[in-house]
Amino acid sequence: MKNPNGKVVGFELSSQEPEKAASFYSNVFGWKISEPQWDFRTVLTGHGEGINGGISKGPQDHPHGTRIQIEVNSIKKTLHAAKENGAMVVRDKMEFDDFFLAYLVDPTGVGIGLIEKKRKGKRTFTIPRKGNRFVKARKY
């Protein structure tokens, strides 16, 4: 299965000592690191062409290290294809405010995060019609 939307959109540094990691990357590279939310600290690398990411404290059984986050159209379809090609799902699809997230390990042992952006709901707007009447229409 080829996924046309499989671009790298970020990184995650997973550590059992996220405070120590945040201090290191902030002091050494000058990264701006937010206060934790759900044990995740947003990282701004401060370089216009760079990729931003985060530092997290994952569960003890979660692979630690660095992993890229790949945006996909459908986590369900991507996890299915990944399993068929030898990957192991570490965390199934989880829901957050604006996106869904899942983690897998590829056949060589490399951890990958999958991000699926939430689709915006149907929005209603009005369009003018002849005779100054307005008609409601839905945008999908």
Protein backbone atom coordinates (compact mmCIF):
# COMPACT_ATOMS: atom_id res chain seq x y z
CA MET A 1 0.00 0.00 0.00
CA LYS A 2 1.46 3.33 -0.98
CA ASN A 3 0.42 6.24 1.21
CA PRO A 4 0.57 9.57 -0.63
CA ASN A 5 0.48 11.44 2.64
CA GLY A 6 3.40 9.65 4.34
CA LYS A 7 5.55 12.70 5.05
CA VAL A 8 7.69 13.16 8.15
CA VAL A 9 6.04 15.86 10.26
CA GLY A 10 8.02 15.74 13.50
CA PHE A 11 10.15 13.81 15.94
CA GLU A 12 9.77 12.50 19.46
CA LEU A 13 12.54 11.88 21.96
CA SER A 14 11.25 9.32 24.44
CA SER A 15 12.97 9.08 27.80
CA GLN A 16 12.29 7.94 31.34
CA GLU A 17 14.02 11.19 32.40
CA PRO A 18 12.31 13.82 30.23
CA GLU A 19 13.31 16.71 32.51
CA LYS A 20 16.97 15.83 32.09
CA ALA A 21 16.56 15.42 28.31
CA ALA A 22 14.74 18.77 28.04
CA SER A 23 17.50 20.52 29.95
CA PHE A 24 20.19 18.94 27.78
CA TYR A 25 18.63 19.85 24.41
CA SER A 26 17.68 23.33 25.58
CA ASN A 27 21.18 24.08 26.90
CA VAL A 28 23.15 22.48 24.08
CA PHE A 29 21.04 23.40 21.03
CA GLY A 30 18.97 26.33 22.28
CA TRP A 31 15.67 24.55 21.64
CA LYS A 32 12.55 26.11 23.16
CA ILE A 33 10.79 23.45 25.21
CA SER A 34 7.31 23.85 26.71
CA GLU A 35 6.06 22.72 30.09
CA PRO A 36 4.74 19.13 29.96
CA GLN A 37 1.19 18.35 28.95
CA TRP A 38 0.26 14.62 29.22
CA ASP A 39 3.97 13.94 29.87
CA PHE A 40 4.81 15.51 26.49
CA ARG A 41 6.89 18.65 26.02
CA THR A 42 6.60 20.46 22.68
CA VAL A 43 10.00 21.29 21.17
CA LEU A 44 10.63 24.21 18.80
CA THR A 45 14.03 23.82 17.24
CA GLY A 46 14.05 27.49 16.25
CA HIS A 47 15.31 26.87 12.76
CA GLY A 48 12.92 27.88 9.96
CA GLU A 49 13.79 24.87 7.83
CA GLY A 50 14.02 22.40 10.69
CA ILE A 51 11.45 19.97 12.02
CA ASN A 52 9.86 20.56 15.42
CA GLY A 53 8.86 17.77 17.74
CA GLY A 54 8.68 16.82 21.37
CA ILE A 55 10.14 15.08 24.40
CA SER A 56 7.98 12.52 26.16
CA LYS A 57 8.03 10.12 29.06
CA GLY A 58 6.61 6.91 27.71
CA PRO A 59 5.51 3.89 29.75
CA GLN A 60 8.23 1.49 30.88
CA ASP A 61 7.32 -0.97 28.10
CA HIS A 62 7.40 1.72 25.41
CA PRO A 63 10.48 1.84 23.14
CA HIS A 64 12.76 4.69 24.21
CA GLY A 65 14.98 6.72 21.94
CA THR A 66 14.21 8.89 18.95
CA ARG A 67 11.41 8.22 16.54
CA ILE A 68 9.97 10.14 13.64
CA GLN A 69 6.30 11.02 13.35
CA ILE A 70 4.77 10.24 9.95
CA GLU A 71 1.48 11.78 8.84
CA VAL A 72 -0.90 9.30 7.21
CA ASN A 73 -4.40 9.49 5.75
CA SER A 74 -5.64 6.53 7.80
CA ILE A 75 -3.94 5.03 10.84
CA LYS A 76 -6.18 1.95 10.60
CA LYS A 77 -5.13 1.20 7.00
CA THR A 78 -1.48 2.03 7.66
CA LEU A 79 -1.31 -0.23 10.75
CA HIS A 80 -2.89 -3.05 8.73
CA ALA A 81 -0.32 -2.64 5.95
CA ALA A 82 2.52 -2.32 8.47
CA LYS A 83 1.52 -5.55 10.26
CA GLU A 84 1.26 -7.37 6.93
CA ASN A 85 4.84 -6.26 6.26
CA GLY A 86 6.28 -7.42 9.58
CA ALA A 87 5.75 -4.46 11.93
CA MET A 88 4.57 -4.75 15.53
CA VAL A 89 1.97 -2.33 16.91
CA VAL A 90 3.15 -0.88 20.22
CA ARG A 91 0.21 1.47 20.86
CA ASP A 92 -2.98 1.29 18.85
CA LYS A 93 -4.84 4.39 17.67
CA MET A 94 -5.21 6.98 20.45
CA GLU A 95 -7.31 10.14 20.23
CA PHE A 96 -6.14 13.66 21.07
CA ASP A 97 -7.76 17.06 20.49
CA ASP A 98 -6.72 17.61 16.86
CA PHE A 99 -5.24 14.29 15.78
CA PHE A 100 -4.97 10.55 16.31
CA LEU A 101 -1.67 8.87 17.18
CA ALA A 102 -0.34 5.30 17.10
CA TYR A 103 3.10 3.75 17.57
CA LEU A 104 4.66 0.79 15.84
CA VAL A 105 8.05 -0.86 15.52
CA ASP A 106 9.20 -1.74 12.01
CA PRO A 107 10.66 -5.19 11.20
CA THR A 108 14.18 -3.92 11.99
CA GLY A 109 13.23 -2.62 15.45
CA VAL A 110 12.90 1.09 14.64
CA GLY A 111 10.03 2.87 16.42
CA ILE A 112 7.70 5.07 14.35
CA GLY A 113 4.81 7.33 15.31
CA LEU A 114 1.80 7.66 13.01
CA ILE A 115 -0.29 10.84 13.01
CA GLU A 116 -3.71 11.17 11.40
CA LYS A 117 -5.14 14.67 11.47
CA LYS A 118 -8.79 14.90 12.41
CA ARG A 119 -11.05 15.87 9.56
CA LYS A 120 -12.92 19.07 10.14
CA GLY A 121 -16.64 18.52 10.56
CA LYS A 122 -19.21 19.71 8.11
CA ARG A 123 -19.44 23.48 8.12
CA THR A 124 -22.45 25.49 7.08
CA PHE A 125 -22.20 28.72 5.15
CA THR A 126 -24.60 30.84 3.13
CA ILE A 127 -24.38 31.69 -0.54
CA PRO A 128 -26.41 34.40 -2.26
CA ARG A 129 -29.06 33.40 -4.80
CA LYS A 130 -31.13 35.41 -7.24
CA GLY A 131 -33.68 37.69 -5.67
CA ASN A 132 -31.56 38.38 -2.56
CA ARG A 133 -32.50 35.01 -1.08
CA PHE A 134 -29.80 33.13 0.78
CA VAL A 135 -29.47 29.40 0.75
CA LYS A 136 -27.58 27.34 3.33
CA ALA A 137 -25.05 24.94 1.90
CA ARG A 138 -22.71 22.45 3.46
CA LYS A 139 -18.99 22.38 2.91
CA TYR A 140 -17.39 18.96 3.31
